[in-house]
Amino acid sequence: MTVYSYSKAQQNLALLLEQAYRDGFVQIKRQDGILFRVAPVKTTSPFDIEGIDVNISANEIVECIRESRECRNYG
């Protein structure tokens, strides 16, 4: 765990942020002794989902879609 003084953190902000990214977090200690943690925020996309194995081929999926479209056109 790395602890930077407030003045060192100001002088080396880019380095501090890179180290926080690499190590998970760094801490900054103010003159009054209060510690702050700087950590990267993990962002995820709403489209970032785990897939499921349904044991179906791409051709079978395409066939199902075609069938559903045909039913819709006649229904």
PDB file of N, CA and C in Angstrom:
ATOM      1  N   MET A   1       0.854  -1.175   0.000  1.00  0.00           N
ATOM      2  CA  MET A   1       0.000   0.000   0.000  1.00  0.00           C
ATOM      3  C   MET A   1       0.896   1.233   0.000  1.00  0.00           C
ATOM      4  N   THR A   2       0.641   2.117  -0.941  1.00  0.00           N
ATOM      5  CA  THR A   2       1.423   3.338  -1.058  1.00  0.00           C
ATOM      6  C   THR A   2       0.651   4.504  -0.473  1.00  0.00           C
ATOM      7  N   VAL A   3       1.341   5.283   0.360  1.00  0.00           N
ATOM      8  CA  VAL A   3       0.738   6.477   0.953  1.00  0.00           C
ATOM      9  C   VAL A   3       1.566   7.680   0.509  1.00  0.00           C
ATOM     10  N   TYR A   4       0.901   8.633  -0.132  1.00  0.00           N
ATOM     11  CA  TYR A   4       1.548   9.870  -0.557  1.00  0.00           C
ATOM     12  C   TYR A   4       1.151  10.988   0.389  1.00  0.00           C
ATOM     13  N   SER A   5       2.074  11.898   0.630  1.00  0.00           N
ATOM     14  CA  SER A   5       1.696  13.114   1.341  1.00  0.00           C
ATOM     15  C   SER A   5       0.904  13.976   0.368  1.00  0.00           C
ATOM     16  N   TYR A   6       0.147  14.913   0.882  1.00  0.00           N
ATOM     17  CA  TYR A   6      -0.675  15.781   0.044  1.00  0.00           C
ATOM     18  C   TYR A   6       0.188  16.512  -0.974  1.00  0.00           C
ATOM     19  N   SER A   7       1.323  17.058  -0.543  1.00  0.00           N
ATOM     20  CA  SER A   7       2.177  17.826  -1.462  1.00  0.00           C
ATOM     21  C   SER A   7       2.783  16.921  -2.527  1.00  0.00           C
ATOM     22  N   LYS A   8       3.197  15.698  -2.168  1.00  0.00           N
ATOM     23  CA  LYS A   8       3.737  14.748  -3.160  1.00  0.00           C
ATOM     24  C   LYS A   8       2.647  14.334  -4.149  1.00  0.00           C
ATOM     25  N   ALA A   9       1.427  14.194  -3.656  1.00  0.00           N
ATOM     26  CA  ALA A   9       0.324  13.831  -4.534  1.00  0.00           C
ATOM     27  C   ALA A   9       0.065  14.934  -5.555  1.00  0.00           C
ATOM     28  N   GLN A  10       0.125  16.183  -5.124  1.00  0.00           N
ATOM     29  CA  GLN A  10      -0.062  17.311  -6.042  1.00  0.00           C
ATOM     30  C   GLN A  10       1.031  17.339  -7.105  1.00  0.00           C
ATOM     31  N   GLN A  11       2.247  17.098  -6.705  1.00  0.00           N
ATOM     32  CA  GLN A  11       3.385  17.160  -7.614  1.00  0.00           C
ATOM     33  C   GLN A  11       3.409  15.999  -8.600  1.00  0.00           C
ATOM     34  N   ASN A  12       2.878  14.852  -8.201  1.00  0.00           N
ATOM     35  CA  ASN A  12       2.981  13.631  -9.006  1.00  0.00           C
ATOM     36  C   ASN A  12       1.621  13.020  -9.319  1.00  0.00           C
ATOM     37  N   LEU A  13       0.650  13.845  -9.665  1.00  0.00           N
ATOM     38  CA  LEU A  13      -0.706  13.348  -9.848  1.00  0.00           C
ATOM     39  C   LEU A  13      -0.792  12.275 -10.939  1.00  0.00           C
ATOM     40  N   ALA A  14      -0.152  12.489 -12.077  1.00  0.00           N
ATOM     41  CA  ALA A  14      -0.214  11.507 -13.162  1.00  0.00           C
ATOM     42  C   ALA A  14       0.368  10.167 -12.717  1.00  0.00           C
ATOM     43  N   LEU A  15       1.492  10.206 -12.034  1.00  0.00           N
ATOM     44  CA  LEU A  15       2.118   8.986 -11.520  1.00  0.00           C
ATOM     45  C   LEU A  15       1.229   8.302 -10.483  1.00  0.00           C
ATOM     46  N   LEU A  16       0.647   9.101  -9.607  1.00  0.00           N
ATOM     47  CA  LEU A  16      -0.248   8.581  -8.576  1.00  0.00           C
ATOM     48  C   LEU A  16      -1.450   7.870  -9.200  1.00  0.00           C
ATOM     49  N   LEU A  17      -2.056   8.489 -10.226  1.00  0.00           N
ATOM     50  CA  LEU A  17      -3.213   7.876 -10.875  1.00  0.00           C
ATOM     51  C   LEU A  17      -2.831   6.579 -11.592  1.00  0.00           C
ATOM     52  N   GLU A  18      -1.680   6.565 -12.232  1.00  0.00           N
ATOM     53  CA  GLU A  18      -1.214   5.352 -12.906  1.00  0.00           C
ATOM     54  C   GLU A  18      -0.959   4.232 -11.902  1.00  0.00           C
ATOM     55  N   GLN A  19      -0.381   4.579 -10.770  1.00  0.00           N
ATOM     56  CA  GLN A  19      -0.135   3.568  -9.735  1.00  0.00           C
ATOM     57  C   GLN A  19      -1.444   3.057  -9.146  1.00  0.00           C
ATOM     58  N   ALA A  20      -2.414   3.938  -8.955  1.00  0.00           N
ATOM     59  CA  ALA A  20      -3.727   3.521  -8.449  1.00  0.00           C
ATOM     60  C   ALA A  20      -4.382   2.564  -9.430  1.00  0.00           C
ATOM     61  N   TYR A  21      -4.241   2.844 -10.714  1.00  0.00           N
ATOM     62  CA  TYR A  21      -4.807   1.960 -11.745  1.00  0.00           C
ATOM     63  C   TYR A  21      -4.125   0.595 -11.714  1.00  0.00           C
ATOM     64  N   ARG A  22      -2.821   0.598 -11.597  1.00  0.00           N
ATOM     65  CA  ARG A  22      -2.037  -0.639 -11.606  1.00  0.00           C
ATOM     66  C   ARG A  22      -2.235  -1.456 -10.326  1.00  0.00           C
ATOM     67  N   ASP A  23      -2.214  -0.795  -9.174  1.00  0.00           N
ATOM     68  CA  ASP A  23      -2.239  -1.500  -7.890  1.00  0.00           C
ATOM     69  C   ASP A  23      -3.632  -1.599  -7.260  1.00  0.00           C
ATOM     70  N   GLY A  24      -4.610  -0.904  -7.809  1.00  0.00           N
ATOM     71  CA  GLY A  24      -5.956  -0.952  -7.246  1.00  0.00           C
ATOM     72  C   GLY A  24      -6.326   0.302  -6.478  1.00  0.00           C
ATOM     73  N   PHE A  25      -5.364   0.877  -5.769  1.00  0.00           N
ATOM     74  CA  PHE A  25      -5.601   2.142  -5.068  1.00  0.00           C
ATOM     75  C   PHE A  25      -4.290   2.659  -4.488  1.00  0.00           C
ATOM     76  N   VAL A  26      -4.274   3.936  -4.176  1.00  0.00           N
ATOM     77  CA  VAL A  26      -3.202   4.553  -3.385  1.00  0.00           C
ATOM     78  C   VAL A  26      -3.880   5.423  -2.341  1.00  0.00           C
ATOM     79  N   GLN A  27      -3.122   5.825  -1.344  1.00  0.00           N
ATOM     80  CA  GLN A  27      -3.684   6.680  -0.305  1.00  0.00           C
ATOM     81  C   GLN A  27      -2.921   7.988  -0.239  1.00  0.00           C
ATOM     82  N   ILE A  28      -3.657   9.036   0.105  1.00  0.00           N
ATOM     83  CA  ILE A  28      -3.070  10.362   0.292  1.00  0.00           C
ATOM     84  C   ILE A  28      -3.318  10.772   1.735  1.00  0.00           C
ATOM     85  N   LYS A  29      -2.266  11.175   2.402  1.00  0.00           N
ATOM     86  CA  LYS A  29      -2.370  11.569   3.813  1.00  0.00           C
ATOM     87  C   LYS A  29      -2.213  13.081   3.911  1.00  0.00           C
ATOM     88  N   ARG A  30      -3.255  13.687   4.451  1.00  0.00           N
ATOM     89  CA  ARG A  30      -3.213  15.128   4.670  1.00  0.00           C
ATOM     90  C   ARG A  30      -2.356  15.449   5.881  1.00  0.00           C
ATOM     91  N   GLN A  31      -2.009  16.711   6.012  1.00  0.00           N
ATOM     92  CA  GLN A  31      -1.155  17.147   7.121  1.00  0.00           C
ATOM     93  C   GLN A  31      -1.795  16.878   8.480  1.00  0.00           C
ATOM     94  N   ASP A  32      -3.138  16.913   8.531  1.00  0.00           N
ATOM     95  CA  ASP A  32      -3.823  16.665   9.798  1.00  0.00           C
ATOM     96  C   ASP A  32      -3.991  15.167  10.083  1.00  0.00           C
ATOM     97  N   GLY A  33      -3.448  14.307   9.201  1.00  0.00           N
ATOM     98  CA  GLY A  33      -3.461  12.869   9.441  1.00  0.00           C
ATOM     99  C   GLY A  33      -4.603  12.106   8.786  1.00  0.00           C
ATOM    100  N   ILE A  34      -5.546  12.811   8.200  1.00  0.00           N
ATOM    101  CA  ILE A  34      -6.674  12.138   7.552  1.00  0.00           C
ATOM    102  C   ILE A  34      -6.206  11.489   6.261  1.00  0.00           C
ATOM    103  N   LEU A  35      -6.579  10.222   6.078  1.00  0.00           N
ATOM    104  CA  LEU A  35      -6.218   9.470   4.875  1.00  0.00           C
ATOM    105  C   LEU A  35      -7.362   9.448   3.882  1.00  0.00           C
ATOM    106  N   PHE A  36      -7.016   9.564   2.607  1.00  0.00           N
ATOM    107  CA  PHE A  36      -7.970   9.450   1.519  1.00  0.00           C
ATOM    108  C   PHE A  36      -7.486   8.354   0.579  1.00  0.00           C
ATOM    109  N   ARG A  37      -8.422   7.617   0.021  1.00  0.00           N
ATOM    110  CA  ARG A  37      -8.079   6.551  -0.913  1.00  0.00           C
ATOM    111  C   ARG A  37      -8.476   6.985  -2.319  1.00  0.00           C
ATOM    112  N   VAL A  38      -7.545   6.824  -3.254  1.00  0.00           N
ATOM    113  CA  VAL A  38      -7.808   7.107  -4.659  1.00  0.00           C
ATOM    114  C   VAL A  38      -7.785   5.763  -5.383  1.00  0.00           C
ATOM    115  N   ALA A  39      -8.885   5.460  -6.055  1.00  0.00           N
ATOM    116  CA  ALA A  39      -9.006   4.181  -6.749  1.00  0.00           C
ATOM    117  C   ALA A  39      -9.705   4.384  -8.087  1.00  0.00           C
ATOM    118  N   PRO A  40      -9.354   3.586  -9.085  1.00  0.00           N
ATOM    119  CA  PRO A  40     -10.054   3.692 -10.366  1.00  0.00           C
ATOM    120  C   PRO A  40     -11.483   3.182 -10.236  1.00  0.00           C
ATOM    121  N   VAL A  41     -12.367   3.774 -10.998  1.00  0.00           N
ATOM    122  CA  VAL A  41     -13.768   3.361 -11.002  1.00  0.00           C
ATOM    123  C   VAL A  41     -13.946   2.376 -12.142  1.00  0.00           C
ATOM    124  N   LYS A  42     -14.469   1.204 -11.829  1.00  0.00           N
ATOM    125  CA  LYS A  42     -14.703   0.205 -12.859  1.00  0.00           C
ATOM    126  C   LYS A  42     -16.051   0.483 -13.504  1.00  0.00           C
ATOM    127  N   THR A  43     -16.015   0.710 -14.795  1.00  0.00           N
ATOM    128  CA  THR A  43     -17.249   0.970 -15.519  1.00  0.00           C
ATOM    129  C   THR A  43     -17.598  -0.246 -16.359  1.00  0.00           C
ATOM    130  N   THR A  44     -18.865  -0.500 -16.484  1.00  0.00           N
ATOM    131  CA  THR A  44     -19.324  -1.604 -17.311  1.00  0.00           C
ATOM    132  C   THR A  44     -20.401  -1.099 -18.252  1.00  0.00           C
ATOM    133  N   SER A  45     -20.497  -1.738 -19.350  1.00  0.00           N
ATOM    134  CA  SER A  45     -21.518  -1.412 -20.331  1.00  0.00           C
ATOM    135  C   SER A  45     -22.778  -2.197 -20.013  1.00  0.00           C
ATOM    136  N   PRO A  46     -23.948  -1.630 -20.258  1.00  0.00           N
ATOM    137  CA  PRO A  46     -25.179  -2.402 -20.056  1.00  0.00           C
ATOM    138  C   PRO A  46     -25.247  -3.589 -21.012  1.00  0.00           C
ATOM    139  N   PHE A  47     -24.425  -3.575 -22.054  1.00  0.00           N
ATOM    140  CA  PHE A  47     -24.384  -4.680 -23.008  1.00  0.00           C
ATOM    141  C   PHE A  47     -23.342  -5.727 -22.635  1.00  0.00           C
ATOM    142  N   ASP A  48     -22.617  -5.494 -21.565  1.00  0.00           N
ATOM    143  CA  ASP A  48     -21.585  -6.421 -21.120  1.00  0.00           C
ATOM    144  C   ASP A  48     -22.227  -7.483 -20.226  1.00  0.00           C
ATOM    145  N   ILE A  49     -22.774  -8.510 -20.861  1.00  0.00           N
ATOM    146  CA  ILE A  49     -23.466  -9.558 -20.122  1.00  0.00           C
ATOM    147  C   ILE A  49     -22.825 -10.905 -20.423  1.00  0.00           C
ATOM    148  N   GLU A  50     -22.963 -11.812 -19.510  1.00  0.00           N
ATOM    149  CA  GLU A  50     -22.437 -13.150 -19.697  1.00  0.00           C
ATOM    150  C   GLU A  50     -23.324 -13.917 -20.654  1.00  0.00           C
ATOM    151  N   GLY A  51     -22.700 -14.661 -21.524  1.00  0.00           N
ATOM    152  CA  GLY A  51     -23.460 -15.491 -22.447  1.00  0.00           C
ATOM    153  C   GLY A  51     -23.918 -16.773 -21.761  1.00  0.00           C
ATOM    154  N   ILE A  52     -24.856 -17.454 -22.401  1.00  0.00           N
ATOM    155  CA  ILE A  52     -25.311 -18.738 -21.894  1.00  0.00           C
ATOM    156  C   ILE A  52     -25.158 -19.777 -22.992  1.00  0.00           C
ATOM    157  N   ASP A  53     -24.877 -20.981 -22.612  1.00  0.00           N
ATOM    158  CA  ASP A  53     -24.714 -22.057 -23.572  1.00  0.00           C
ATOM    159  C   ASP A  53     -26.057 -22.756 -23.732  1.00  0.00           C
ATOM    160  N   VAL A  54     -26.652 -22.627 -24.924  1.00  0.00           N
ATOM    161  CA  VAL A  54     -27.959 -23.228 -25.170  1.00  0.00           C
ATOM    162  C   VAL A  54     -27.862 -24.408 -26.131  1.00  0.00           C
ATOM    163  N   ASN A  55     -26.644 -24.767 -26.505  1.00  0.00           N
ATOM    164  CA  ASN A  55     -26.410 -25.899 -27.418  1.00  0.00           C
ATOM    165  C   ASN A  55     -27.261 -25.806 -28.674  1.00  0.00           C
ATOM    166  N   ILE A  56     -27.214 -24.654 -29.328  1.00  0.00           N
ATOM    167  CA  ILE A  56     -27.947 -24.454 -30.574  1.00  0.00           C
ATOM    168  C   ILE A  56     -26.994 -23.791 -31.560  1.00  0.00           C
ATOM    169  N   SER A  57     -27.057 -24.219 -32.797  1.00  0.00           N
ATOM    170  CA  SER A  57     -26.138 -23.688 -33.806  1.00  0.00           C
ATOM    171  C   SER A  57     -26.653 -22.363 -34.357  1.00  0.00           C
ATOM    172  N   ALA A  58     -25.765 -21.658 -35.031  1.00  0.00           N
ATOM    173  CA  ALA A  58     -26.149 -20.396 -35.666  1.00  0.00           C
ATOM    174  C   ALA A  58     -27.226 -20.637 -36.722  1.00  0.00           C
ATOM    175  N   ASN A  59     -27.109 -21.737 -37.449  1.00  0.00           N
ATOM    176  CA  ASN A  59     -28.113 -22.053 -38.475  1.00  0.00           C
ATOM    177  C   ASN A  59     -29.488 -22.282 -37.848  1.00  0.00           C
ATOM    178  N   GLU A  60     -29.527 -22.935 -36.706  1.00  0.00           N
ATOM    179  CA  GLU A  60     -30.806 -23.170 -36.018  1.00  0.00           C
ATOM    180  C   GLU A  60     -31.428 -21.861 -35.541  1.00  0.00           C
ATOM    181  N   ILE A  61     -30.595 -20.950 -35.080  1.00  0.00           N
ATOM    182  CA  ILE A  61     -31.084 -19.642 -34.634  1.00  0.00           C
ATOM    183  C   ILE A  61     -31.688 -18.881 -35.809  1.00  0.00           C
ATOM    184  N   VAL A  62     -30.977 -18.880 -36.936  1.00  0.00           N
ATOM    185  CA  VAL A  62     -31.463 -18.193 -38.130  1.00  0.00           C
ATOM    186  C   VAL A  62     -32.784 -18.803 -38.588  1.00  0.00           C
ATOM    187  N   GLU A  63     -32.887 -20.121 -38.552  1.00  0.00           N
ATOM    188  CA  GLU A  63     -34.123 -20.804 -38.947  1.00  0.00           C
ATOM    189  C   GLU A  63     -35.291 -20.402 -38.030  1.00  0.00           C
ATOM    190  N   CYS A  64     -35.044 -20.326 -36.750  1.00  0.00           N
ATOM    191  CA  CYS A  64     -36.092 -19.907 -35.803  1.00  0.00           C
ATOM    192  C   CYS A  64     -36.570 -18.488 -36.107  1.00  0.00           C
ATOM    193  N   ILE A  65     -35.641 -17.617 -36.421  1.00  0.00           N
ATOM    194  CA  ILE A  65     -35.999 -16.229 -36.740  1.00  0.00           C
ATOM    195  C   ILE A  65     -36.837 -16.189 -38.014  1.00  0.00           C
ATOM    196  N   ARG A  66     -36.413 -16.929 -39.009  1.00  0.00           N
ATOM    197  CA  ARG A  66     -37.187 -16.969 -40.274  1.00  0.00           C
ATOM    198  C   ARG A  66     -38.603 -17.483 -40.028  1.00  0.00           C
ATOM    199  N   GLU A  67     -38.715 -18.544 -39.239  1.00  0.00           N
ATOM    200  CA  GLU A  67     -40.041 -19.097 -38.943  1.00  0.00           C
ATOM    201  C   GLU A  67     -40.915 -18.081 -38.222  1.00  0.00           C
ATOM    202  N   SER A  68     -40.328 -17.376 -37.261  1.00  0.00           N
ATOM    203  CA  SER A  68     -41.131 -16.399 -36.506  1.00  0.00           C
ATOM    204  C   SER A  68     -41.589 -15.256 -37.404  1.00  0.00           C
ATOM    205  N   ARG A  69     -40.767 -14.879 -38.363  1.00  0.00           N
ATOM    206  CA  ARG A  69     -41.148 -13.818 -39.299  1.00  0.00           C
ATOM    207  C   ARG A  69     -42.269 -14.287 -40.225  1.00  0.00           C
ATOM    208  N   GLU A  70     -42.177 -15.546 -40.646  1.00  0.00           N
ATOM    209  CA  GLU A  70     -43.236 -16.076 -41.508  1.00  0.00           C
ATOM    210  C   GLU A  70     -44.567 -16.127 -40.769  1.00  0.00           C
ATOM    211  N   CYS A  71     -44.548 -16.542 -39.521  1.00  0.00           N
ATOM    212  CA  CYS A  71     -45.787 -16.607 -38.717  1.00  0.00           C
ATOM    213  C   CYS A  71     -46.388 -15.206 -38.542  1.00  0.00           C
ATOM    214  N   ARG A  72     -45.540 -14.243 -38.344  1.00  0.00           N
ATOM    215  CA  ARG A  72     -46.003 -12.873 -38.152  1.00  0.00           C
ATOM    216  C   ARG A  72     -46.648 -12.332 -39.416  1.00  0.00           C
ATOM    217  N   ASN A  73     -46.087 -12.681 -40.563  1.00  0.00           N
ATOM    218  CA  ASN A  73     -46.638 -12.207 -41.844  1.00  0.00           C
ATOM    219  C   ASN A  73     -47.994 -12.834 -42.147  1.00  0.00           C
ATOM    220  N   TYR A  74     -48.235 -14.054 -41.662  1.00  0.00           N
ATOM    221  CA  TYR A  74     -49.490 -14.746 -41.945  1.00  0.00           C
ATOM    222  C   TYR A  74     -50.512 -14.594 -40.823  1.00  0.00           C
ATOM    223  N   GLY A  75     -50.081 -14.135 -39.671  1.00  0.00           N
ATOM    224  CA  GLY A  75     -50.947 -14.121 -38.521  1.00  0.00           C
ATOM    225  C   GLY A  75     -51.780 -12.906 -38.446  1.00  0.00           C
TER     226      GLY A  75
END
